[in-house]
Amino acid sequence: MAKNKFHDGAGPSQRQLRVSELIRRTLAEVLARGDIHDPDLNRMSVTVGEVRISPDLKIATAYVLPLGGQGQDDVLKLLARNKGELRRIIGKKTGLKYAPDLRFQLDQTFDQMDDTRRMLSQEAVRRDLDT
């Protein structure tokens, strides 16, 4: 197979980005609808912020956060417990030839945004930005 001369390997390829977004939307839809046969997971409202997929499309890491931030450890355990069913549903709904193995991690972007806001609101930083 010929190498793509427009992609230097510095970031994800267009295919990875497209498949990641497809999986993210499907996973968010499945969790919002409560299509899982686990009542504990169906009771939780889970935000799927991002999905990153490996270059070979075999491993997908979903960055999730429960709504309100409470029960972060519980949501990871519940998602890991229902990983097989989620993988099967995603494989069916996306039409991918092979459904990737799902891994779940907490989404830290909201915490990072709060830290950045706090830093930018400091008097010394504001003074430096104004000059």
N, C-alpha and C. Protein backbone atom coordinates (compact mmCIF):
# COMPACT_ATOMS: atom_id res chain seq x y z
N MET A 1 0.84 -1.17 0.00
CA MET A 1 0.00 0.00 0.00
C MET A 1 0.89 1.24 0.00
N ALA A 2 0.56 2.20 -0.81
CA ALA A 2 1.36 3.41 -0.92
C ALA A 2 1.17 4.29 0.31
N LYS A 3 2.26 4.93 0.71
CA LYS A 3 2.19 5.85 1.84
C LYS A 3 1.52 7.15 1.42
N ASN A 4 0.77 7.72 2.33
CA ASN A 4 0.13 8.99 2.07
C ASN A 4 1.19 10.08 2.21
N LYS A 5 1.51 10.74 1.13
CA LYS A 5 2.59 11.73 1.15
C LYS A 5 2.16 13.03 1.82
N PHE A 6 0.87 13.20 2.11
CA PHE A 6 0.39 14.41 2.74
C PHE A 6 0.32 14.30 4.26
N HIS A 7 0.54 13.12 4.80
CA HIS A 7 0.45 12.92 6.25
C HIS A 7 1.82 12.50 6.76
N ASP A 8 2.40 13.33 7.63
CA ASP A 8 3.76 13.06 8.11
C ASP A 8 3.81 12.28 9.42
N GLY A 9 2.67 11.89 9.97
CA GLY A 9 2.66 11.10 11.20
C GLY A 9 2.71 11.93 12.47
N ALA A 10 2.62 13.24 12.37
CA ALA A 10 2.69 14.08 13.55
C ALA A 10 1.41 14.02 14.36
N GLY A 11 0.30 13.75 13.75
CA GLY A 11 -0.99 13.68 14.43
C GLY A 11 -1.84 12.60 13.83
N PRO A 12 -3.09 12.52 14.25
CA PRO A 12 -3.97 11.48 13.70
C PRO A 12 -4.31 11.75 12.24
N SER A 13 -4.50 10.68 11.51
CA SER A 13 -4.88 10.81 10.10
C SER A 13 -6.35 11.20 9.99
N GLN A 14 -6.76 11.58 8.79
CA GLN A 14 -8.16 11.92 8.57
C GLN A 14 -9.06 10.72 8.86
N ARG A 15 -8.60 9.55 8.53
CA ARG A 15 -9.38 8.33 8.78
C ARG A 15 -9.57 8.12 10.28
N GLN A 16 -8.49 8.30 11.05
CA GLN A 16 -8.59 8.16 12.50
C GLN A 16 -9.57 9.18 13.07
N LEU A 17 -9.48 10.41 12.61
CA LEU A 17 -10.37 11.45 13.10
C LEU A 17 -11.83 11.14 12.77
N ARG A 18 -12.07 10.68 11.56
CA ARG A 18 -13.43 10.37 11.12
C ARG A 18 -14.02 9.21 11.92
N VAL A 19 -13.23 8.14 12.11
CA VAL A 19 -13.71 6.98 12.85
C VAL A 19 -13.89 7.33 14.33
N SER A 20 -12.98 8.13 14.88
CA SER A 20 -13.08 8.55 16.28
C SER A 20 -14.37 9.32 16.52
N GLU A 21 -14.68 10.25 15.65
CA GLU A 21 -15.89 11.05 15.81
C GLU A 21 -17.14 10.19 15.64
N LEU A 22 -17.11 9.24 14.73
CA LEU A 22 -18.23 8.32 14.54
C LEU A 22 -18.46 7.50 15.80
N ILE A 23 -17.40 7.00 16.39
CA ILE A 23 -17.52 6.21 17.63
C ILE A 23 -17.99 7.10 18.77
N ARG A 24 -17.48 8.33 18.87
CA ARG A 24 -17.89 9.24 19.94
C ARG A 24 -19.38 9.54 19.88
N ARG A 25 -19.87 9.85 18.69
CA ARG A 25 -21.30 10.14 18.54
C ARG A 25 -22.16 8.92 18.85
N THR A 26 -21.74 7.77 18.37
CA THR A 26 -22.50 6.55 18.61
C THR A 26 -22.51 6.19 20.09
N LEU A 27 -21.37 6.28 20.73
CA LEU A 27 -21.27 5.97 22.15
C LEU A 27 -22.11 6.93 22.98
N ALA A 28 -22.06 8.21 22.66
CA ALA A 28 -22.88 9.20 23.38
C ALA A 28 -24.37 8.93 23.19
N GLU A 29 -24.75 8.57 21.99
CA GLU A 29 -26.15 8.27 21.71
C GLU A 29 -26.62 7.04 22.48
N VAL A 30 -25.81 5.99 22.49
CA VAL A 30 -26.15 4.75 23.19
C VAL A 30 -26.29 5.01 24.68
N LEU A 31 -25.37 5.77 25.25
CA LEU A 31 -25.42 6.05 26.68
C LEU A 31 -26.59 6.98 27.03
N ALA A 32 -26.92 7.92 26.15
CA ALA A 32 -28.03 8.83 26.41
C ALA A 32 -29.38 8.11 26.34
N ARG A 33 -29.50 7.20 25.41
CA ARG A 33 -30.75 6.46 25.25
C ARG A 33 -30.96 5.39 26.30
N GLY A 34 -29.87 4.90 26.88
CA GLY A 34 -29.98 3.82 27.84
C GLY A 34 -30.16 2.47 27.18
N ASP A 35 -29.45 2.25 26.06
CA ASP A 35 -29.57 0.99 25.32
C ASP A 35 -28.82 -0.18 25.98
N ILE A 36 -28.13 0.08 27.07
CA ILE A 36 -27.36 -0.95 27.76
C ILE A 36 -28.27 -1.67 28.75
N HIS A 37 -28.03 -2.94 28.95
CA HIS A 37 -28.85 -3.74 29.87
C HIS A 37 -28.38 -3.65 31.32
N ASP A 38 -27.74 -2.57 31.68
CA ASP A 38 -27.27 -2.37 33.05
C ASP A 38 -28.01 -1.18 33.65
N PRO A 39 -28.92 -1.42 34.59
CA PRO A 39 -29.70 -0.30 35.15
C PRO A 39 -28.83 0.72 35.89
N ASP A 40 -27.71 0.30 36.47
CA ASP A 40 -26.83 1.24 37.16
C ASP A 40 -26.23 2.24 36.18
N LEU A 41 -25.81 1.76 35.03
CA LEU A 41 -25.24 2.64 34.02
C LEU A 41 -26.31 3.52 33.37
N ASN A 42 -27.50 2.97 33.19
CA ASN A 42 -28.59 3.73 32.58
C ASN A 42 -29.05 4.89 33.46
N ARG A 43 -28.85 4.77 34.79
CA ARG A 43 -29.24 5.84 35.71
C ARG A 43 -28.28 7.03 35.64
N MET A 44 -27.07 6.79 35.16
CA MET A 44 -26.06 7.86 35.12
C MET A 44 -26.12 8.60 33.79
N SER A 45 -25.86 9.88 33.85
CA SER A 45 -25.75 10.68 32.64
C SER A 45 -24.26 10.90 32.38
N VAL A 46 -23.77 10.38 31.27
CA VAL A 46 -22.34 10.38 30.97
C VAL A 46 -22.07 11.23 29.74
N THR A 47 -21.07 12.11 29.86
CA THR A 47 -20.63 12.93 28.74
C THR A 47 -19.42 12.27 28.09
N VAL A 48 -19.47 12.10 26.78
CA VAL A 48 -18.33 11.56 26.04
C VAL A 48 -17.68 12.74 25.33
N GLY A 49 -16.56 13.20 25.88
CA GLY A 49 -15.90 14.38 25.36
C GLY A 49 -15.10 14.14 24.10
N GLU A 50 -14.42 13.02 24.06
CA GLU A 50 -13.52 12.74 22.94
C GLU A 50 -13.26 11.25 22.86
N VAL A 51 -12.98 10.78 21.67
CA VAL A 51 -12.52 9.41 21.46
C VAL A 51 -11.27 9.48 20.60
N ARG A 52 -10.23 8.82 21.06
CA ARG A 52 -8.99 8.73 20.28
C ARG A 52 -8.80 7.28 19.90
N ILE A 53 -8.43 7.07 18.66
CA ILE A 53 -8.29 5.70 18.16
C ILE A 53 -6.85 5.48 17.69
N SER A 54 -6.38 4.27 17.86
CA SER A 54 -5.02 3.92 17.46
C SER A 54 -4.92 3.93 15.94
N PRO A 55 -3.70 4.07 15.40
CA PRO A 55 -3.54 4.12 13.94
C PRO A 55 -4.08 2.89 13.21
N ASP A 56 -4.06 1.73 13.87
CA ASP A 56 -4.59 0.52 13.22
C ASP A 56 -6.08 0.33 13.46
N LEU A 57 -6.73 1.30 14.14
CA LEU A 57 -8.17 1.31 14.41
C LEU A 57 -8.62 0.15 15.29
N LYS A 58 -7.73 -0.41 16.09
CA LYS A 58 -8.10 -1.55 16.93
C LYS A 58 -8.40 -1.18 18.37
N ILE A 59 -7.91 -0.03 18.83
CA ILE A 59 -8.13 0.39 20.21
C ILE A 59 -8.68 1.81 20.20
N ALA A 60 -9.82 1.98 20.84
CA ALA A 60 -10.44 3.29 20.96
C ALA A 60 -10.50 3.67 22.44
N THR A 61 -9.93 4.83 22.77
CA THR A 61 -9.96 5.33 24.13
C THR A 61 -10.98 6.45 24.20
N ALA A 62 -12.01 6.24 25.01
CA ALA A 62 -13.07 7.23 25.17
C ALA A 62 -12.82 8.01 26.45
N TYR A 63 -12.85 9.33 26.34
CA TYR A 63 -12.67 10.21 27.49
C TYR A 63 -14.06 10.64 27.94
N VAL A 64 -14.45 10.18 29.12
CA VAL A 64 -15.82 10.36 29.62
C VAL A 64 -15.81 11.09 30.96
N LEU A 65 -16.95 11.67 31.28
CA LEU A 65 -17.13 12.35 32.55
C LEU A 65 -18.61 12.27 32.91
N PRO A 66 -18.93 11.84 34.14
CA PRO A 66 -20.34 11.86 34.54
C PRO A 66 -20.81 13.29 34.69
N LEU A 67 -22.06 13.53 34.37
CA LEU A 67 -22.63 14.86 34.45
C LEU A 67 -22.57 15.34 35.89
N GLY A 68 -22.02 16.50 36.11
CA GLY A 68 -21.86 17.05 37.44
C GLY A 68 -20.54 16.66 38.09
N GLY A 69 -19.84 15.70 37.54
CA GLY A 69 -18.53 15.30 38.05
C GLY A 69 -18.56 14.32 39.21
N GLN A 70 -19.74 14.01 39.78
CA GLN A 70 -19.81 13.07 40.88
C GLN A 70 -19.86 11.64 40.35
N GLY A 71 -19.19 10.73 41.07
CA GLY A 71 -19.21 9.32 40.70
C GLY A 71 -18.26 8.98 39.57
N GLN A 72 -17.11 9.62 39.52
CA GLN A 72 -16.17 9.38 38.42
C GLN A 72 -15.63 7.96 38.42
N ASP A 73 -15.27 7.46 39.61
CA ASP A 73 -14.75 6.08 39.68
C ASP A 73 -15.84 5.07 39.34
N ASP A 74 -17.07 5.36 39.79
CA ASP A 74 -18.18 4.45 39.51
C ASP A 74 -18.46 4.34 38.02
N VAL A 75 -18.43 5.48 37.32
CA VAL A 75 -18.73 5.45 35.89
C VAL A 75 -17.67 4.66 35.13
N LEU A 76 -16.41 4.77 35.52
CA LEU A 76 -15.35 4.00 34.86
C LEU A 76 -15.55 2.50 35.08
N LYS A 77 -15.92 2.13 36.30
CA LYS A 77 -16.15 0.71 36.60
C LYS A 77 -17.35 0.17 35.82
N LEU A 78 -18.43 0.96 35.77
CA LEU A 78 -19.62 0.52 35.05
C LEU A 78 -19.37 0.39 33.55
N LEU A 79 -18.65 1.35 32.99
CA LEU A 79 -18.34 1.28 31.56
C LEU A 79 -17.42 0.10 31.25
N ALA A 80 -16.45 -0.14 32.12
CA ALA A 80 -15.55 -1.28 31.91
C ALA A 80 -16.32 -2.60 32.03
N ARG A 81 -17.28 -2.64 32.93
CA ARG A 81 -18.08 -3.86 33.11
C ARG A 81 -18.95 -4.13 31.89
N ASN A 82 -19.40 -3.09 31.21
CA ASN A 82 -20.28 -3.23 30.04
C ASN A 82 -19.55 -3.02 28.72
N LYS A 83 -18.23 -3.13 28.75
CA LYS A 83 -17.41 -2.88 27.57
C LYS A 83 -17.78 -3.79 26.39
N GLY A 84 -18.03 -5.05 26.65
CA GLY A 84 -18.37 -5.99 25.58
C GLY A 84 -19.66 -5.63 24.87
N GLU A 85 -20.68 -5.30 25.66
CA GLU A 85 -21.97 -4.93 25.07
C GLU A 85 -21.85 -3.61 24.30
N LEU A 86 -21.11 -2.65 24.85
CA LEU A 86 -20.91 -1.39 24.15
C LEU A 86 -20.16 -1.60 22.84
N ARG A 87 -19.17 -2.46 22.87
CA ARG A 87 -18.40 -2.75 21.65
C ARG A 87 -19.28 -3.38 20.58
N ARG A 88 -20.13 -4.30 21.01
CA ARG A 88 -21.04 -4.96 20.06
C ARG A 88 -22.01 -3.96 19.45
N ILE A 89 -22.58 -3.10 20.27
CA ILE A 89 -23.54 -2.10 19.78
C ILE A 89 -22.85 -1.11 18.83
N ILE A 90 -21.66 -0.66 19.20
CA ILE A 90 -20.93 0.27 18.35
C ILE A 90 -20.58 -0.38 17.01
N GLY A 91 -20.19 -1.64 17.05
CA GLY A 91 -19.89 -2.35 15.80
C GLY A 91 -21.09 -2.43 14.89
N LYS A 92 -22.26 -2.68 15.46
CA LYS A 92 -23.49 -2.76 14.67
C LYS A 92 -23.88 -1.40 14.08
N LYS A 93 -23.89 -0.38 14.93
CA LYS A 93 -24.40 0.93 14.52
C LYS A 93 -23.45 1.69 13.59
N THR A 94 -22.16 1.47 13.72
CA THR A 94 -21.22 2.22 12.89
C THR A 94 -20.97 1.57 11.54
N GLY A 95 -21.17 0.28 11.45
CA GLY A 95 -20.91 -0.41 10.19
C GLY A 95 -19.43 -0.66 9.93
N LEU A 96 -18.61 -0.53 10.97
CA LEU A 96 -17.18 -0.82 10.81
C LEU A 96 -16.96 -2.31 10.64
N LYS A 97 -15.95 -2.68 9.89
CA LYS A 97 -15.65 -4.09 9.67
C LYS A 97 -15.27 -4.76 10.99
N TYR A 98 -14.44 -4.08 11.77
CA TYR A 98 -14.04 -4.59 13.08
C TYR A 98 -14.32 -3.51 14.12
N ALA A 99 -15.02 -3.89 15.17
CA ALA A 99 -15.27 -2.93 16.25
C ALA A 99 -14.01 -2.86 17.12
N PRO A 100 -13.55 -1.66 17.42
CA PRO A 100 -12.32 -1.54 18.21
C PRO A 100 -12.55 -1.92 19.68
N ASP A 101 -11.48 -2.31 20.34
CA ASP A 101 -11.52 -2.56 21.77
C ASP A 101 -11.69 -1.21 22.46
N LEU A 102 -12.62 -1.12 23.40
CA LEU A 102 -12.91 0.15 24.06
C LEU A 102 -12.17 0.26 25.37
N ARG A 103 -11.62 1.43 25.60
CA ARG A 103 -10.98 1.76 26.88
C ARG A 103 -11.55 3.09 27.32
N PHE A 104 -11.68 3.25 28.62
CA PHE A 104 -12.31 4.45 29.15
C PHE A 104 -11.38 5.16 30.12
N GLN A 105 -11.31 6.49 29.98
CA GLN A 105 -10.53 7.33 30.89
C GLN A 105 -11.36 8.56 31.22
N LEU A 106 -11.04 9.15 32.37
CA LEU A 106 -11.72 10.37 32.76
C LEU A 106 -11.27 11.53 31.89
N ASP A 107 -12.20 12.38 31.53
CA ASP A 107 -11.92 13.55 30.72
C ASP A 107 -11.43 14.67 31.64
N GLN A 108 -10.20 15.10 31.46
CA GLN A 108 -9.61 16.12 32.31
C GLN A 108 -9.66 17.52 31.69
N THR A 109 -10.24 17.68 30.52
CA THR A 109 -10.19 18.97 29.84
C THR A 109 -10.92 20.07 30.60
N PHE A 110 -12.01 19.72 31.30
CA PHE A 110 -12.74 20.73 32.05
C PHE A 110 -11.90 21.26 33.21
N ASP A 111 -11.16 20.37 33.87
CA ASP A 111 -10.27 20.79 34.95
C ASP A 111 -9.15 21.67 34.40
N GLN A 112 -8.62 21.32 33.25
CA GLN A 112 -7.56 22.11 32.64
C GLN A 112 -8.06 23.50 32.24
N MET A 113 -9.29 23.58 31.76
CA MET A 113 -9.85 24.88 31.40
C MET A 113 -10.03 25.75 32.64
N ASP A 114 -10.47 25.15 33.75
CA ASP A 114 -10.62 25.91 34.99
C ASP A 114 -9.27 26.43 35.48
N ASP A 115 -8.24 25.59 35.39
CA ASP A 115 -6.90 26.01 35.80
C ASP A 115 -6.39 27.16 34.93
N THR A 116 -6.65 27.09 33.64
CA THR A 116 -6.22 28.14 32.72
C THR A 116 -6.95 29.45 33.03
N ARG A 117 -8.26 29.36 33.29
CA ARG A 117 -9.03 30.56 33.65
C ARG A 117 -8.50 31.19 34.93
N ARG A 118 -8.21 30.33 35.92
CA ARG A 118 -7.67 30.83 37.18
C ARG A 118 -6.33 31.53 36.97
N MET A 119 -5.49 30.92 36.15
CA MET A 119 -4.17 31.50 35.88
C MET A 119 -4.31 32.85 35.17
N LEU A 120 -5.19 32.92 34.18
CA LEU A 120 -5.36 34.16 33.43
C LEU A 120 -6.01 35.27 34.24
N SER A 121 -6.71 34.90 35.30
CA SER A 121 -7.35 35.93 36.13
C SER A 121 -6.43 36.49 37.21
N GLN A 122 -5.25 35.92 37.36
CA GLN A 122 -4.31 36.44 38.35
C GLN A 122 -3.84 37.83 37.93
N GLU A 123 -3.63 38.67 38.92
CA GLU A 123 -3.27 40.07 38.66
C GLU A 123 -1.96 40.19 37.89
N ALA A 124 -0.96 39.42 38.25
CA ALA A 124 0.34 39.50 37.57
C ALA A 124 0.23 39.11 36.10
N VAL A 125 -0.55 38.11 35.82
CA VAL A 125 -0.72 37.66 34.43
C VAL A 125 -1.52 38.69 33.64
N ARG A 126 -2.56 39.23 34.24
CA ARG A 126 -3.36 40.25 33.56
C ARG A 126 -2.53 41.49 33.26
N ARG A 127 -1.66 41.86 34.19
CA ARG A 127 -0.80 43.02 33.97
C ARG A 127 0.16 42.75 32.80
N ASP A 128 0.71 41.53 32.73
CA ASP A 128 1.62 41.19 31.63
C ASP A 128 0.91 41.15 30.29
N LEU A 129 -0.33 40.72 30.30
CA LEU A 129 -1.10 40.65 29.05
C LEU A 129 -1.49 42.04 28.55
N ASP A 130 -1.73 42.95 29.47
CA ASP A 130 -2.13 44.31 29.08
C ASP A 130 -0.98 45.10 28.47
N THR A 131 0.26 44.79 28.84
CA THR A 131 1.38 45.58 28.33
C THR A 131 1.87 45.13 26.99
